[in-house]
N, C-alpha and C. Protein backbone atom coordinates (compact mmCIF):
# COMPACT_ATOMS: atom_id res chain seq x y z
N MET A 1 134.61 22.08 -36.41
CA MET A 1 135.35 23.24 -36.87
C MET A 1 134.54 24.27 -37.21
N LEU A 2 134.59 25.50 -36.98
CA LEU A 2 133.85 26.63 -37.13
C LEU A 2 134.18 26.82 -38.77
N ASP A 3 133.31 27.25 -39.65
CA ASP A 3 133.35 27.72 -41.03
C ASP A 3 134.25 28.94 -41.21
N LEU A 4 134.22 29.76 -40.17
CA LEU A 4 134.79 31.35 -40.40
C LEU A 4 134.31 31.63 -41.85
N ARG A 5 132.88 32.08 -41.57
CA ARG A 5 132.39 32.48 -42.92
C ARG A 5 133.00 33.76 -43.37
N PRO A 6 133.10 34.13 -44.51
CA PRO A 6 133.68 35.34 -45.09
C PRO A 6 133.01 36.72 -45.26
N HIS A 7 131.71 36.77 -44.65
CA HIS A 7 131.21 38.15 -44.66
C HIS A 7 130.10 37.99 -43.66
N CYS A 8 129.69 39.39 -43.74
CA CYS A 8 128.37 39.56 -43.21
C CYS A 8 127.05 39.26 -43.67
N GLU A 9 126.11 38.44 -43.20
CA GLU A 9 125.01 38.06 -43.76
C GLU A 9 123.99 39.35 -44.08
N CYS A 10 124.14 40.48 -43.31
CA CYS A 10 123.13 41.53 -43.27
C CYS A 10 123.91 42.65 -44.49
N CYS A 11 125.04 43.11 -44.33
CA CYS A 11 125.58 44.15 -45.01
C CYS A 11 126.41 43.75 -46.14
N ASP A 12 126.96 42.54 -46.17
CA ASP A 12 127.63 41.65 -46.99
C ASP A 12 129.23 42.18 -46.72
N ALA A 13 129.54 42.86 -45.70
CA ALA A 13 131.06 43.37 -45.47
C ALA A 13 131.81 42.12 -45.49
N ASP A 14 132.94 42.23 -45.86
CA ASP A 14 133.96 41.21 -46.00
C ASP A 14 134.46 41.10 -44.48
N LEU A 15 134.54 39.94 -43.94
CA LEU A 15 135.24 39.77 -42.78
C LEU A 15 136.17 38.60 -42.55
N PRO A 16 137.42 39.14 -42.50
CA PRO A 16 138.56 38.08 -42.73
C PRO A 16 138.52 37.39 -41.36
N PRO A 17 139.40 36.40 -41.26
CA PRO A 17 139.56 35.51 -40.12
C PRO A 17 139.71 36.09 -38.92
N ALA A 18 140.46 37.17 -38.74
CA ALA A 18 140.78 38.01 -37.44
C ALA A 18 139.76 39.08 -37.32
N ALA A 19 138.82 39.25 -38.13
CA ALA A 19 137.96 40.22 -37.84
C ALA A 19 136.98 40.45 -36.78
N ASP A 20 136.28 41.44 -36.27
CA ASP A 20 135.68 41.39 -35.10
C ASP A 20 133.94 41.07 -35.47
N ALA A 21 133.99 39.57 -35.71
CA ALA A 21 132.56 39.43 -36.30
C ALA A 21 132.17 38.52 -34.97
N ARG A 22 130.47 38.24 -35.16
CA ARG A 22 129.77 37.98 -34.28
C ARG A 22 128.94 36.62 -35.00
N ILE A 23 128.84 35.59 -34.09
CA ILE A 23 128.00 34.28 -34.51
C ILE A 23 127.22 33.98 -33.69
N CYS A 24 126.17 32.94 -34.27
CA CYS A 24 124.99 32.44 -33.51
C CYS A 24 125.67 30.81 -33.22
N SER A 25 124.65 30.04 -32.62
CA SER A 25 125.33 28.73 -32.50
C SER A 25 125.02 27.94 -33.65
N PHE A 26 124.48 28.42 -34.50
CA PHE A 26 124.05 27.83 -36.02
C PHE A 26 125.30 28.49 -36.92
N GLU A 27 126.35 29.33 -36.45
CA GLU A 27 127.25 29.87 -37.17
C GLU A 27 126.77 31.06 -38.31
N CYS A 28 125.50 31.42 -37.99
CA CYS A 28 125.00 32.47 -38.74
C CYS A 28 126.28 33.68 -38.44
N THR A 29 126.82 34.80 -39.34
CA THR A 29 127.75 35.50 -39.15
C THR A 29 127.54 36.61 -39.49
N PHE A 30 127.83 37.77 -38.66
CA PHE A 30 127.46 39.20 -38.66
C PHE A 30 128.83 39.99 -38.37
N CYS A 31 128.95 41.21 -38.94
CA CYS A 31 129.84 42.06 -38.38
C CYS A 31 129.22 42.75 -37.01
N ALA A 32 130.11 43.47 -36.36
CA ALA A 32 129.79 43.82 -35.10
C ALA A 32 128.86 44.86 -35.22
N PRO A 33 128.91 45.77 -35.88
CA PRO A 33 127.89 46.92 -36.17
C PRO A 33 126.45 46.67 -36.46
N CYS A 34 126.54 45.43 -37.57
CA CYS A 34 124.93 44.74 -37.82
C CYS A 34 124.70 44.11 -36.30
N ALA A 35 125.59 43.47 -35.76
CA ALA A 35 124.92 42.49 -34.56
C ALA A 35 124.39 43.49 -33.48
N ASP A 36 125.23 44.77 -33.27
CA ASP A 36 124.93 45.54 -32.20
C ASP A 36 123.54 46.11 -32.64
N ALA A 37 123.23 46.47 -34.00
CA ALA A 37 121.83 46.90 -34.34
C ALA A 37 120.86 46.03 -34.23
N MET A 38 121.08 44.77 -34.03
CA MET A 38 120.10 43.70 -33.68
C MET A 38 119.91 43.39 -32.28
N ALA A 39 120.84 44.29 -31.53
CA ALA A 39 120.66 43.91 -29.95
C ALA A 39 121.39 42.68 -29.91
N GLY A 40 122.34 42.26 -30.50
CA GLY A 40 122.71 41.04 -30.10
C GLY A 40 121.99 39.66 -30.44
N ARG A 41 120.87 39.53 -31.21
CA ARG A 41 120.28 38.66 -31.39
C ARG A 41 120.29 38.20 -32.76
N CYS A 42 120.48 36.98 -33.21
CA CYS A 42 120.23 36.54 -34.58
C CYS A 42 118.88 36.39 -35.21
N PRO A 43 119.02 37.15 -36.49
CA PRO A 43 117.48 37.16 -36.91
C PRO A 43 117.27 36.19 -37.76
N ASN A 44 118.17 35.06 -37.69
CA ASN A 44 117.47 33.78 -38.13
C ASN A 44 117.17 32.76 -37.38
N CYS A 45 117.65 32.68 -36.23
CA CYS A 45 117.12 31.70 -35.10
C CYS A 45 116.82 32.48 -33.74
N GLY A 46 117.21 33.78 -33.73
CA GLY A 46 116.66 34.50 -32.39
C GLY A 46 117.75 33.96 -31.43
N GLY A 47 118.74 33.34 -31.45
CA GLY A 47 119.58 32.94 -30.49
C GLY A 47 120.63 34.32 -30.39
N ASN A 48 121.50 34.06 -29.24
CA ASN A 48 122.29 35.36 -28.87
C ASN A 48 123.56 35.40 -30.04
N LEU A 49 124.19 36.44 -30.18
CA LEU A 49 125.27 36.38 -31.04
C LEU A 49 126.59 36.79 -29.99
N VAL A 50 127.52 35.85 -30.46
CA VAL A 50 128.81 36.11 -29.39
C VAL A 50 129.92 36.59 -30.34
N PRO A 51 131.24 36.90 -29.79
CA PRO A 51 132.24 37.02 -30.64
C PRO A 51 132.71 35.61 -31.09
N ARG A 52 133.11 35.92 -32.69
CA ARG A 52 133.75 34.67 -33.17
C ARG A 52 135.03 34.48 -32.89
N PRO A 53 135.70 33.18 -32.40
CA PRO A 53 136.93 32.98 -32.12
C PRO A 53 137.91 33.23 -33.24
N ILE A 54 138.93 33.55 -32.85
CA ILE A 54 139.94 33.84 -34.09
C ILE A 54 140.98 32.59 -34.04
N ARG A 55 140.91 32.22 -35.33
CA ARG A 55 141.78 30.93 -35.75
C ARG A 55 143.25 31.39 -35.59
N PRO A 56 144.09 30.92 -34.92
CA PRO A 56 145.54 31.34 -35.15
C PRO A 56 145.71 31.02 -36.46
N PRO A 57 146.90 32.01 -36.87
CA PRO A 57 147.44 32.00 -38.32
C PRO A 57 148.23 30.52 -38.81
N ALA A 58 148.62 29.82 -37.72
CA ALA A 58 149.05 28.63 -38.23
C ALA A 58 148.16 27.68 -38.72
N ALA A 59 146.80 27.76 -37.82
CA ALA A 59 146.26 26.83 -38.25
C ALA A 59 145.38 26.99 -39.52
N LEU A 60 145.08 28.40 -39.98
CA LEU A 60 144.57 28.86 -41.22
C LEU A 60 145.21 28.24 -42.31
N ALA A 61 146.30 27.75 -42.44
CA ALA A 61 147.06 27.36 -43.43
C ALA A 61 146.23 25.50 -43.64
N ALA A 62 146.02 24.99 -42.56
CA ALA A 62 145.57 23.86 -42.67
C ALA A 62 144.37 23.86 -42.65
N TYR A 63 143.35 24.52 -42.10
CA TYR A 63 142.05 24.96 -41.98
C TYR A 63 141.67 26.40 -42.34
N PRO A 64 141.61 26.45 -43.70
CA PRO A 64 141.29 27.69 -44.23
C PRO A 64 139.86 28.16 -44.14
N PRO A 65 139.46 29.38 -43.98
CA PRO A 65 138.03 29.90 -43.78
C PRO A 65 136.88 29.41 -45.03
N SER A 66 135.99 29.33 -44.86
CA SER A 66 134.96 29.04 -46.14
C SER A 66 135.04 30.15 -47.07
N ALA A 67 134.46 29.90 -48.00
CA ALA A 67 134.83 30.97 -49.18
C ALA A 67 133.10 30.94 -49.52
N VAL A 68 132.17 30.16 -48.82
CA VAL A 68 130.70 30.22 -49.34
C VAL A 68 130.00 31.34 -48.56
N ARG A 69 129.33 32.13 -49.36
CA ARG A 69 128.70 33.52 -48.88
C ARG A 69 127.18 32.96 -49.08
N ILE A 70 126.89 33.52 -47.73
CA ILE A 70 125.22 33.17 -47.47
C ILE A 70 124.55 34.50 -47.17
N HIS A 71 123.81 34.95 -48.07
CA HIS A 71 122.84 36.11 -47.90
C HIS A 71 121.52 35.86 -47.38
N ARG A 72 120.84 36.69 -46.55
CA ARG A 72 119.48 36.63 -45.99
C ARG A 72 118.78 37.12 -47.15
N GLN A 73 117.54 36.37 -46.99
CA GLN A 73 116.53 36.67 -48.23
C GLN A 73 115.84 37.91 -47.87
N THR A 74 115.58 38.23 -46.41
CA THR A 74 114.92 39.47 -46.18
C THR A 74 116.01 40.33 -45.27
N PRO A 75 115.75 41.72 -45.35
CA PRO A 75 116.54 42.62 -44.59
C PRO A 75 116.82 42.31 -43.19
N CYS A 76 117.91 42.62 -42.68
CA CYS A 76 118.04 42.36 -41.20
C CYS A 76 117.10 43.07 -40.62
N PRO A 77 116.33 42.85 -39.31
CA PRO A 77 115.70 43.82 -38.44
C PRO A 77 116.70 44.96 -37.79
N PRO A 78 116.09 45.96 -37.63
CA PRO A 78 116.79 46.71 -37.01
C PRO A 78 116.56 46.51 -35.27
N ALA A 79 117.08 47.14 -34.36
CA ALA A 79 117.38 46.67 -33.15
C ALA A 79 115.83 47.10 -32.40
């Protein structure tokens, strides 16, 4: 089950469950503008960033998004 992390690891923008977020295979999470600025590559693992699936509202009650905020220790690289 995806964590649905609550924010962008680069700019710290809040990303509600239905937001246009991008994730890699390790679930590193970024907002669309940051992902685009990094040319769709995860700065943590080098993998590609893809749109995060939307969890249906009915499932959010049973499987809420994560509240854990993960911040990069170094700035995100530009594209």
